Amino acid sequence: MGGFGLNGSDEEGIATRLWNKFKNERVSVLYSPFIICLASGTLDSHTFLHCISQDVYFLQAFAQAYELAEEYADDDEDKEAITKLRKRVLKRLRNLDTLIHEWGFESPKESMCQTATVKYTEFLLETAAGKVGGEKFPGKIVTPFEKTKIAAYTLSAIAPCMRLYNFVSKEILALLDPEESKHIYKKWLNSLSSEKFEASAGRIEVMLDKLSVSLTGEELEVVERLYHQAMKLEVEFILTQPVVNRTIAPVSQLYNSAEENLIIFCDFDLTCTAIDSSALLAEIAIVAASKADLSGGETQSSQMSSADIRMMWSNHFSQYIEEYEQCTESIMPNEAVKGLDYEGLSKAVEQISNFEKRANSRVIDSNLLRGLNLTDIIRAGEHLTFQDGCKQFFKDLMKSETCATDFHVLSYCWCDDLIKSAFSSALSRGPVCAKCTFELLSL
C-alpha cells in the first residue's frame, strides 16, 4: 500500500478502511432533520417522494459510469464483474416504479434533478471519464495500467453511496419495534437493509479492493480523496432534502441563506472540551506547587505543599461528584412527565445552577487557585483538547459569508483567559465572517 496511511489491519480491504475512516460523515446524517423525521415516521410523504424521485438520476449515472469502467477493465474477470454491476443497476432502473409501489407509494409523475443530485452525478461521470483532480491523462486512455486505475477511481466514487443507505436503514430499524407494522417507511427501510441490497454494496467494495491492489501509494491517496468526496456529496444530498416538519435536531450543517440568523449557546466543559477545565486548572496548581517544593520557595496557595494541594483537589472533586448525583436525583420526577413542564424545568435548572455556584465558591474560598501564573493558564488553554470536530465546527461558522451568527459560550470556569485561549486557534486563522460575533458568558 506504499505510503497510504489508513488505520486498520492489513486483512481489511481499502473499501472497509475508507468506510471506517470517514465515520464522522455518516454519523452526521443520522442527526439530520430528514433522517430524524424518517425514523420517527413523521416525514411528509411528499418530501419522501421528492427524495426517491432522484433515484432515476443516480441510477442513470451509475449505469454510465459502470459502462466506462467496464471498458477500462483490462482483466476479463474484472470486466465481467463490472458488467454484472451495470446490469443490476439497469434492472433496478427498469423496476423503479414497481419498487416504489411495493414500498406503498405511487411514483411521482414529474421530477426535477436537484442541485445536490447534479453535483454528485457530474462528479461521478467526470471521474469515470478520467477527469480526476491531480491526475492527467493526455489523449485517449490506452495502457492497461491507466485503464485499471481509472476503473478503480470510478468504483471509489460509487462505493460509499449504497453502503451509506444500507447503514442508515439498519440504524433506524434497530430503534424500531420489530413488530411495528404502521411505520409508513418501514418497507423502504427493509429494502435498503436487506441481505440482497447489502450484497450489492459488498460487490462494489470487493471490486474496488481488487482494482486497487496494483495502485501506488499516491494513486491510493487519489482513491481516498474520491471516496471521501463521494461520501460528502451523498451526505449533502440527504442534508439538503426539504423538510416541512418542525424538527429538533443538532446543528449538523451550516445554513446558506442570508435571511437566517443563528444564535448559538454552547456549554464549554465536556461539551466543547474533552476534559473538565477545573481538572486542568488543578493540574497547573499542583505543578506550580511542585516547582515551589523543589526550589524551596513558597507558593501563593497558603504555602501548602503539592501533596496537600493534590489532596484538597481530590476532596473537592469527590464532594462535587457526590453532591451532583444527589442534586440530579432530587430533581428527577418519579413518573414520566406528559408534555413540557416549563415551570418544573425552570426550577430544576435553577437548582443545578445553585449547586454549581456553591461548588465553585468552595474552591474559591480554599485559595487553591490563588497565584496561578497567567502565562501557564493561557498556554494550557491553547493546547486544550476539544471534542472531535468541535474546532472545525467553530471555524466553519465563523467563515460563513451568508449566515449571521451570534455565538455564546457558557461556562462556570473560573478563568476567562483559559477559555479565550482555547478558542484562539480555532477562531484566529483564516477569514472570519463580519456577520459573526463571539461572546464568552461566565456564569
Protein backbone atom coordinates (compact mmCIF):
# COMPACT_ATOMS: atom_id res chain seq x y z
CA MET A 1 0.00 0.00 0.00
CA GLY A 2 3.04 2.29 -0.10
CA GLY A 3 2.65 5.47 1.92
CA PHE A 4 -1.13 5.25 2.13
CA GLY A 5 -1.80 5.99 5.79
CA LEU A 6 -5.09 4.39 6.80
CA ASN A 7 -5.96 2.80 10.09
CA GLY A 8 -6.97 -0.82 10.00
CA SER A 9 -5.46 -4.26 9.69
CA ASP A 10 -3.73 -5.45 6.54
CA GLU A 11 -6.50 -8.02 6.11
CA GLU A 12 -9.08 -5.28 5.58
CA GLY A 13 -9.68 -4.08 2.04
CA ILE A 14 -9.37 -0.44 1.13
CA ALA A 15 -13.17 -0.06 0.92
CA THR A 16 -13.63 -1.13 4.56
CA ARG A 17 -10.79 1.06 5.77
CA LEU A 18 -12.16 4.12 4.00
CA TRP A 19 -15.67 3.43 5.30
CA ASN A 20 -14.29 3.30 8.84
CA LYS A 21 -12.08 6.35 8.36
CA PHE A 22 -14.93 8.64 7.34
CA LYS A 23 -17.38 7.57 10.04
CA ASN A 24 -17.99 11.19 11.12
CA GLU A 25 -19.69 11.96 7.83
CA ARG A 26 -22.08 9.04 8.00
CA VAL A 27 -22.91 9.64 11.67
CA SER A 28 -23.82 13.27 10.91
CA VAL A 29 -26.54 12.01 8.56
CA LEU A 30 -28.32 10.20 11.39
CA TYR A 31 -28.96 13.52 13.15
CA SER A 32 -30.22 15.42 10.11
CA PRO A 33 -33.85 16.65 10.12
CA PHE A 34 -34.69 14.40 7.16
CA ILE A 35 -33.46 11.19 8.81
CA ILE A 36 -34.93 12.12 12.21
CA CYS A 37 -38.37 12.60 10.67
CA LEU A 38 -37.94 9.48 8.54
CA ALA A 39 -37.03 7.37 11.57
CA SER A 40 -39.99 8.67 13.59
CA GLY A 41 -42.38 8.00 10.69
CA THR A 42 -43.48 11.64 10.65
CA LEU A 43 -41.67 12.64 7.45
CA ASP A 44 -44.05 14.29 5.00
CA SER A 45 -44.75 11.81 2.19
CA HIS A 46 -44.21 14.49 -0.47
CA THR A 47 -40.73 15.07 0.93
CA PHE A 48 -40.01 11.34 0.80
CA LEU A 49 -41.27 11.03 -2.78
CA HIS A 50 -39.21 14.05 -3.76
CA CYS A 51 -36.15 12.29 -2.37
CA ILE A 52 -36.67 8.91 -4.04
CA SER A 53 -37.60 10.63 -7.32
CA GLN A 54 -33.88 11.39 -7.58
CA ASP A 55 -33.08 7.66 -7.79
CA VAL A 56 -33.57 7.72 -11.54
CA TYR A 57 -30.78 10.28 -11.98
CA PHE A 58 -28.43 8.42 -9.65
CA LEU A 59 -29.10 5.08 -11.35
CA GLN A 60 -28.58 6.54 -14.82
CA ALA A 61 -25.25 7.99 -13.71
CA PHE A 62 -24.24 4.67 -12.14
CA ALA A 63 -25.04 2.83 -15.36
CA GLN A 64 -22.97 5.25 -17.47
CA ALA A 65 -20.07 5.12 -15.04
CA TYR A 66 -20.10 1.31 -14.97
CA GLU A 67 -20.15 1.24 -18.76
CA LEU A 68 -16.97 3.32 -18.88
CA ALA A 69 -15.35 1.29 -16.09
CA GLU A 70 -16.25 -1.87 -17.99
CA GLU A 71 -14.30 -0.59 -20.99
CA TYR A 72 -11.32 0.28 -18.80
CA ALA A 73 -11.17 -3.09 -17.03
CA ASP A 74 -8.19 -4.93 -18.54
CA ASP A 75 -8.88 -8.29 -16.91
CA ASP A 76 -11.74 -10.35 -18.37
CA GLU A 77 -12.91 -11.37 -14.90
CA ASP A 78 -13.00 -7.76 -13.75
CA LYS A 79 -14.82 -6.75 -16.92
CA GLU A 80 -17.45 -9.42 -16.33
CA ALA A 81 -17.92 -8.38 -12.69
CA ILE A 82 -18.43 -4.73 -13.64
CA THR A 83 -20.84 -5.77 -16.40
CA LYS A 84 -22.96 -7.56 -13.80
CA LEU A 85 -22.97 -4.43 -11.62
CA ARG A 86 -24.16 -2.36 -14.58
CA LYS A 87 -26.91 -4.86 -15.45
CA ARG A 88 -28.20 -4.83 -11.86
CA VAL A 89 -28.40 -1.04 -11.96
CA LEU A 90 -30.29 -1.12 -15.26
CA LYS A 91 -32.68 -3.73 -13.84
CA ARG A 92 -33.36 -1.58 -10.77
CA LEU A 93 -33.90 1.41 -13.06
CA ARG A 94 -36.48 -0.51 -15.11
CA ASN A 95 -38.23 -1.77 -11.98
CA LEU A 96 -38.12 1.52 -10.08
CA ASP A 97 -41.85 2.25 -10.42
CA THR A 98 -42.68 -1.27 -9.24
CA LEU A 99 -40.34 -0.94 -6.25
CA ILE A 100 -41.89 2.38 -5.24
CA HIS A 101 -45.33 0.75 -5.44
CA GLU A 102 -44.10 -2.14 -3.25
CA TRP A 103 -42.95 0.40 -0.69
CA GLY A 104 -46.51 1.67 -0.54
CA PHE A 105 -46.30 4.79 -2.69
CA GLU A 106 -47.11 5.98 -6.17
CA SER A 107 -44.28 7.11 -8.42
CA PRO A 108 -44.06 10.88 -8.82
CA LYS A 109 -45.44 11.94 -12.21
CA GLU A 110 -42.72 14.52 -12.68
CA SER A 111 -39.38 15.16 -11.03
CA MET A 112 -36.62 17.70 -11.37
CA CYS A 113 -32.99 16.92 -10.78
CA GLN A 114 -31.88 18.57 -7.54
CA THR A 115 -28.74 20.67 -7.33
CA ALA A 116 -27.20 18.18 -4.88
CA THR A 117 -28.00 15.35 -7.29
CA VAL A 118 -26.35 17.20 -10.16
CA LYS A 119 -23.23 17.83 -8.08
CA TYR A 120 -22.80 14.13 -7.33
CA THR A 121 -23.69 12.76 -10.79
CA GLU A 122 -21.41 15.25 -12.55
CA PHE A 123 -18.59 14.38 -10.14
CA LEU A 124 -19.10 10.66 -10.81
CA LEU A 125 -19.23 10.94 -14.60
CA GLU A 126 -16.20 13.23 -14.72
CA THR A 127 -14.30 10.70 -12.61
CA ALA A 128 -15.40 7.84 -14.87
CA ALA A 129 -14.22 9.84 -17.89
CA GLY A 130 -10.75 10.21 -16.38
CA LYS A 131 -11.14 13.84 -15.29
CA VAL A 132 -9.63 13.40 -11.85
CA GLY A 133 -8.05 16.28 -9.94
CA GLY A 134 -4.29 15.88 -9.72
CA GLU A 135 -4.25 13.24 -12.46
CA LYS A 136 -3.56 13.96 -16.11
CA PHE A 137 -4.49 11.61 -18.91
CA PRO A 138 -3.48 13.27 -22.19
CA GLY A 139 -5.41 11.99 -25.18
CA LYS A 140 -7.03 8.60 -25.11
CA ILE A 141 -6.56 6.25 -22.15
CA VAL A 142 -4.87 3.27 -23.77
CA THR A 143 -2.43 1.47 -21.47
CA PRO A 144 -3.73 -1.33 -19.22
CA PHE A 145 -2.29 0.48 -16.19
CA GLU A 146 -4.14 3.70 -16.98
CA LYS A 147 -7.35 1.78 -17.60
CA THR A 148 -7.12 -0.13 -14.31
CA LYS A 149 -6.66 2.94 -12.14
CA ILE A 150 -9.49 4.85 -13.85
CA ALA A 151 -11.76 1.87 -13.19
CA ALA A 152 -10.63 1.90 -9.55
CA TYR A 153 -11.25 5.65 -9.30
CA THR A 154 -14.75 5.16 -10.70
CA LEU A 155 -15.61 2.42 -8.19
CA SER A 156 -14.28 4.61 -5.34
CA ALA A 157 -16.77 7.31 -6.36
CA ILE A 158 -19.66 4.81 -6.23
CA ALA A 159 -18.79 2.55 -3.27
CA PRO A 160 -19.87 4.80 -0.34
CA CYS A 161 -23.32 5.55 -1.74
CA MET A 162 -25.08 2.20 -1.39
CA ARG A 163 -23.18 1.44 1.82
CA LEU A 164 -24.40 4.72 3.34
CA TYR A 165 -28.07 3.91 2.68
CA ASN A 166 -27.62 0.39 3.99
CA PHE A 167 -26.03 1.78 7.15
CA VAL A 168 -28.73 4.42 7.75
CA SER A 169 -31.60 2.00 7.23
CA LYS A 170 -30.09 -0.51 9.67
CA GLU A 171 -29.54 2.18 12.30
CA ILE A 172 -33.16 3.29 12.04
CA LEU A 173 -34.60 -0.23 12.12
CA ALA A 174 -32.56 -1.02 15.22
CA LEU A 175 -34.60 1.65 17.02
CA LEU A 176 -37.99 0.41 15.86
CA ASP A 177 -40.13 -2.30 17.39
CA PRO A 178 -39.73 -5.40 15.17
CA GLU A 179 -43.49 -5.92 15.45
CA GLU A 180 -44.19 -2.35 14.32
CA SER A 181 -46.27 -2.50 11.15
CA LYS A 182 -47.71 1.00 10.96
CA HIS A 183 -44.44 2.79 10.22
CA ILE A 184 -45.05 4.31 6.80
CA TYR A 185 -41.47 3.92 5.59
CA LYS A 186 -40.64 0.51 7.04
CA LYS A 187 -40.89 -1.34 3.72
CA TRP A 188 -38.42 1.07 2.18
CA LEU A 189 -36.08 0.67 5.16
CA ASN A 190 -36.39 -3.12 4.97
CA SER A 191 -35.45 -2.97 1.30
CA LEU A 192 -32.27 -0.97 1.94
CA SER A 193 -31.23 -3.12 4.90
CA SER A 194 -31.96 -6.43 3.16
CA GLU A 195 -29.27 -9.05 2.53
CA LYS A 196 -29.78 -8.55 -1.20
CA PHE A 197 -29.09 -4.81 -1.01
CA GLU A 198 -26.12 -5.32 1.32
CA ALA A 199 -24.70 -7.95 -1.03
CA SER A 200 -24.89 -5.44 -3.88
CA ALA A 201 -22.98 -2.89 -1.82
CA GLY A 202 -20.46 -5.60 -0.94
CA ARG A 203 -19.84 -6.50 -4.59
CA ILE A 204 -18.89 -2.90 -5.36
CA GLU A 205 -16.47 -2.85 -2.42
CA VAL A 206 -14.91 -6.17 -3.41
CA MET A 207 -14.39 -4.85 -6.92
CA LEU A 208 -12.80 -1.66 -5.55
CA ASP A 209 -10.46 -3.73 -3.35
CA LYS A 210 -9.38 -5.85 -6.29
CA LEU A 211 -8.76 -2.96 -8.67
CA SER A 212 -6.76 -1.07 -6.02
CA VAL A 213 -4.24 -3.83 -5.33
CA SER A 214 -1.80 -2.72 -8.04
CA LEU A 215 -2.04 1.01 -7.32
CA THR A 216 0.81 3.05 -5.87
CA GLY A 217 0.59 4.92 -2.59
CA GLU A 218 -0.01 8.20 -4.43
CA GLU A 219 -2.79 6.66 -6.52
CA LEU A 220 -4.39 5.19 -3.41
CA GLU A 221 -4.48 8.70 -1.97
CA VAL A 222 -6.50 9.70 -5.04
CA VAL A 223 -8.85 6.78 -4.33
CA GLU A 224 -9.26 8.04 -0.77
CA ARG A 225 -9.94 11.59 -1.91
CA LEU A 226 -12.57 10.45 -4.42
CA TYR A 227 -14.23 8.15 -1.89
CA HIS A 228 -14.37 10.97 0.65
CA GLN A 229 -15.76 13.43 -1.89
CA ALA A 230 -18.45 10.95 -2.94
CA MET A 231 -19.38 10.44 0.71
CA LYS A 232 -19.60 14.19 1.33
CA LEU A 233 -21.76 14.75 -1.75
CA GLU A 234 -24.12 11.95 -0.75
CA VAL A 235 -24.35 13.35 2.77
CA GLU A 236 -25.04 16.79 1.30
CA PHE A 237 -27.86 15.29 -0.76
CA ILE A 238 -29.54 13.98 2.40
CA LEU A 239 -28.92 17.15 4.41
CA THR A 240 -30.46 19.36 1.72
CA GLN A 241 -33.73 17.45 1.44
CA PRO A 242 -36.55 19.95 2.09
CA VAL A 243 -38.25 19.09 5.38
CA VAL A 244 -41.52 20.81 6.25
CA ASN A 245 -41.83 19.14 9.66
CA ARG A 246 -40.88 21.14 12.72
CA THR A 247 -37.83 19.22 13.93
CA ILE A 248 -35.47 19.39 16.87
CA ALA A 249 -32.02 18.39 15.63
CA PRO A 250 -28.36 19.17 16.31
CA VAL A 251 -26.76 21.82 14.11
CA SER A 252 -25.31 19.38 11.60
CA GLN A 253 -24.98 21.81 8.71
CA LEU A 254 -24.46 25.49 8.05
CA TYR A 255 -27.46 27.30 6.66
CA ASN A 256 -26.82 29.03 3.35
CA SER A 257 -29.41 31.74 3.49
CA ALA A 258 -28.77 35.41 4.11
CA GLU A 259 -32.12 35.51 5.89
CA GLU A 260 -31.02 33.01 8.55
CA ASN A 261 -29.70 34.33 11.85
CA LEU A 262 -28.30 31.66 14.13
CA ILE A 263 -27.96 32.33 17.84
CA ILE A 264 -25.94 29.51 19.34
CA PHE A 265 -25.42 28.97 23.06
CA CYS A 266 -22.86 26.34 23.90
CA ASP A 267 -21.52 24.93 27.14
CA PHE A 268 -17.74 24.74 27.44
CA ASP A 269 -16.61 21.95 29.77
CA LEU A 270 -17.09 18.44 28.31
CA THR A 271 -19.28 19.88 25.54
CA CYS A 272 -16.54 21.68 23.65
CA THR A 273 -13.66 20.12 25.55
CA ALA A 274 -12.65 16.52 26.07
CA ILE A 275 -11.75 17.18 29.74
CA ASP A 276 -13.15 19.37 32.51
CA SER A 277 -11.29 22.69 32.72
CA SER A 278 -11.27 22.54 36.52
CA ALA A 279 -9.12 19.40 36.32
CA LEU A 280 -6.70 21.28 34.07
CA LEU A 281 -6.51 24.24 36.45
CA ALA A 282 -5.97 21.83 39.33
CA GLU A 283 -3.06 20.24 37.49
CA ILE A 284 -1.49 23.64 36.83
CA ALA A 285 -1.77 24.49 40.54
CA ILE A 286 -0.21 21.18 41.56
CA VAL A 287 2.68 21.58 39.09
CA ALA A 288 3.30 25.11 40.36
CA ALA A 289 3.39 23.83 43.93
CA SER A 290 5.75 21.00 42.93
CA LYS A 291 8.18 23.53 41.44
CA ALA A 292 7.99 25.54 44.66
CA ASP A 293 8.71 22.37 46.67
CA LEU A 294 11.86 21.69 44.65
CA SER A 295 13.11 25.29 44.82
CA GLY A 296 12.33 25.62 48.49
CA GLY A 297 10.21 28.68 47.77
CA GLU A 298 6.66 29.46 48.78
CA THR A 299 3.54 29.14 46.67
CA GLN A 300 0.75 31.63 46.97
CA SER A 301 -1.71 28.86 47.84
CA SER A 302 -1.35 29.45 51.58
CA GLN A 303 2.16 27.92 51.45
CA MET A 304 0.72 24.43 51.00
CA SER A 305 2.85 21.62 49.61
CA SER A 306 1.99 19.99 46.27
CA ALA A 307 0.82 16.87 48.17
CA ASP A 308 -1.55 18.98 50.28
CA ILE A 309 -2.92 20.72 47.19
CA ARG A 310 -3.41 17.43 45.37
CA MET A 311 -5.29 16.01 48.37
CA MET A 312 -7.52 19.08 48.64
CA TRP A 313 -8.39 18.94 44.93
CA SER A 314 -9.20 15.26 45.26
CA ASN A 315 -11.53 16.00 48.16
CA HIS A 316 -13.24 18.79 46.21
CA PHE A 317 -13.80 16.53 43.19
CA SER A 318 -15.19 13.72 45.37
CA GLN A 319 -17.54 16.08 47.13
CA TYR A 320 -18.62 17.59 43.83
CA ILE A 321 -19.50 14.20 42.31
CA GLU A 322 -21.41 13.10 45.41
CA GLU A 323 -23.45 16.31 45.64
CA TYR A 324 -24.04 16.40 41.87
CA GLU A 325 -25.59 12.93 41.99
CA GLN A 326 -27.75 13.96 44.95
CA CYS A 327 -28.85 17.11 43.09
CA THR A 328 -29.82 15.32 39.90
CA GLU A 329 -31.66 12.59 41.80
CA SER A 330 -33.66 15.19 43.73
CA ILE A 331 -34.87 17.00 40.60
CA MET A 332 -35.82 13.91 38.57
CA PRO A 333 -39.59 13.26 38.67
CA ASN A 334 -40.74 9.86 39.88
CA GLU A 335 -43.07 9.41 36.92
CA ALA A 336 -42.84 10.23 33.25
CA VAL A 337 -43.97 13.77 32.51
CA LYS A 338 -46.60 14.25 29.83
CA GLY A 339 -45.66 17.22 27.70
CA LEU A 340 -43.31 20.10 28.53
CA ASP A 341 -43.37 21.14 32.18
CA TYR A 342 -41.78 24.56 31.72
CA GLU A 343 -42.13 25.63 35.36
CA GLY A 344 -40.69 22.35 36.64
CA LEU A 345 -37.83 22.53 34.14
CA SER A 346 -37.01 26.11 35.18
CA LYS A 347 -36.87 25.12 38.85
CA ALA A 348 -34.63 22.14 38.04
CA VAL A 349 -32.20 24.32 36.07
CA GLU A 350 -32.13 26.83 38.93
CA GLN A 351 -31.30 24.05 41.42
CA ILE A 352 -28.40 22.85 39.26
CA SER A 353 -27.20 26.45 38.88
CA ASN A 354 -27.22 26.97 42.66
CA PHE A 355 -25.35 23.71 43.16
CA GLU A 356 -22.63 24.75 40.67
CA LYS A 357 -22.24 28.13 42.37
CA ARG A 358 -21.82 26.51 45.79
CA ALA A 359 -19.22 24.08 44.44
CA ASN A 360 -17.30 26.92 42.79
CA SER A 361 -17.42 29.03 45.94
CA ARG A 362 -15.76 26.21 47.92
CA VAL A 363 -12.82 26.16 45.52
CA ILE A 364 -12.52 29.95 45.54
CA ASP A 365 -12.63 30.10 49.36
CA SER A 366 -9.96 27.38 49.60
CA ASN A 367 -7.42 29.65 47.82
CA LEU A 368 -6.35 26.71 45.64
CA LEU A 369 -6.40 28.92 42.54
CA ARG A 370 -4.68 31.94 44.05
CA GLY A 371 -1.43 32.91 42.42
CA LEU A 372 -1.67 30.78 39.30
CA ASN A 373 0.58 32.07 36.52
CA LEU A 374 -1.49 33.65 33.71
CA THR A 375 1.06 32.63 31.09
CA ASP A 376 0.75 28.98 32.13
CA ILE A 377 -3.05 29.20 32.02
CA ILE A 378 -3.07 30.71 28.53
CA ARG A 379 -0.57 28.14 27.26
CA ALA A 380 -2.67 25.31 28.72
CA GLY A 381 -5.79 26.73 27.06
CA GLU A 382 -4.07 26.81 23.67
CA HIS A 383 -3.32 23.10 23.96
CA LEU A 384 -6.65 22.08 25.46
CA THR A 385 -8.12 19.06 23.67
CA PHE A 386 -11.50 19.68 22.06
CA GLN A 387 -14.17 17.15 21.21
CA ASP A 388 -13.73 15.59 17.78
CA GLY A 389 -14.91 18.01 15.09
CA CYS A 390 -15.66 20.83 17.53
CA LYS A 391 -12.99 23.29 16.42
CA GLN A 392 -13.81 22.73 12.77
CA PHE A 393 -17.45 23.48 13.51
CA PHE A 394 -16.50 26.84 15.01
CA LYS A 395 -14.21 27.61 12.07
CA ASP A 396 -16.97 26.87 9.57
CA LEU A 397 -19.40 29.06 11.49
CA MET A 398 -17.03 32.00 11.60
CA LYS A 399 -16.18 31.69 7.89
CA SER A 400 -19.80 31.58 6.72
CA GLU A 401 -20.45 34.53 4.41
CA THR A 402 -24.19 34.02 4.09
CA CYS A 403 -25.41 33.44 7.63
CA ALA A 404 -25.31 35.88 10.54
CA THR A 405 -24.26 34.00 13.67
CA ASP A 406 -24.14 35.03 17.32
CA PHE A 407 -22.09 32.51 19.23
CA HIS A 408 -22.16 32.46 23.05
CA VAL A 409 -20.02 30.18 25.20
CA LEU A 410 -21.44 29.48 28.65
CA SER A 411 -19.17 28.36 31.46
CA TYR A 412 -18.73 28.22 35.21
CA CYS A 413 -14.98 28.09 34.66
CA TRP A 414 -13.06 30.42 36.99
CA CYS A 415 -10.79 31.71 34.24
CA ASP A 416 -11.96 33.61 31.15
CA ASP A 417 -8.41 33.60 29.81
CA LEU A 418 -8.32 29.80 29.71
CA ILE A 419 -11.45 29.64 27.57
CA LYS A 420 -10.44 32.52 25.29
CA SER A 421 -7.03 31.00 24.63
CA ALA A 422 -8.63 27.61 23.96
CA PHE A 423 -10.72 29.14 21.16
CA SER A 424 -8.00 31.41 19.81
CA SER A 425 -6.51 28.82 17.45
CA ALA A 426 -9.95 27.93 16.10
CA LEU A 427 -11.13 31.49 15.54
CA SER A 428 -7.98 33.42 14.61
CA ARG A 429 -6.98 31.52 11.47
CA GLY A 430 -8.49 32.11 8.07
CA PRO A 431 -11.24 34.56 7.04
CA VAL A 432 -13.84 35.45 9.62
CA CYS A 433 -17.33 36.49 8.58
CA ALA A 434 -18.19 40.08 9.51
CA LYS A 435 -21.70 38.92 10.44
CA CYS A 436 -20.41 36.60 13.19
CA THR A 437 -19.96 37.58 16.82
CA PHE A 438 -18.32 35.62 19.60
CA GLU A 439 -19.02 36.21 23.29
CA LEU A 440 -17.97 34.46 26.48
CA LEU A 441 -20.53 34.35 29.29
CA SER A 442 -19.04 33.28 32.60
CA LEU A 443 -21.85 32.41 34.98
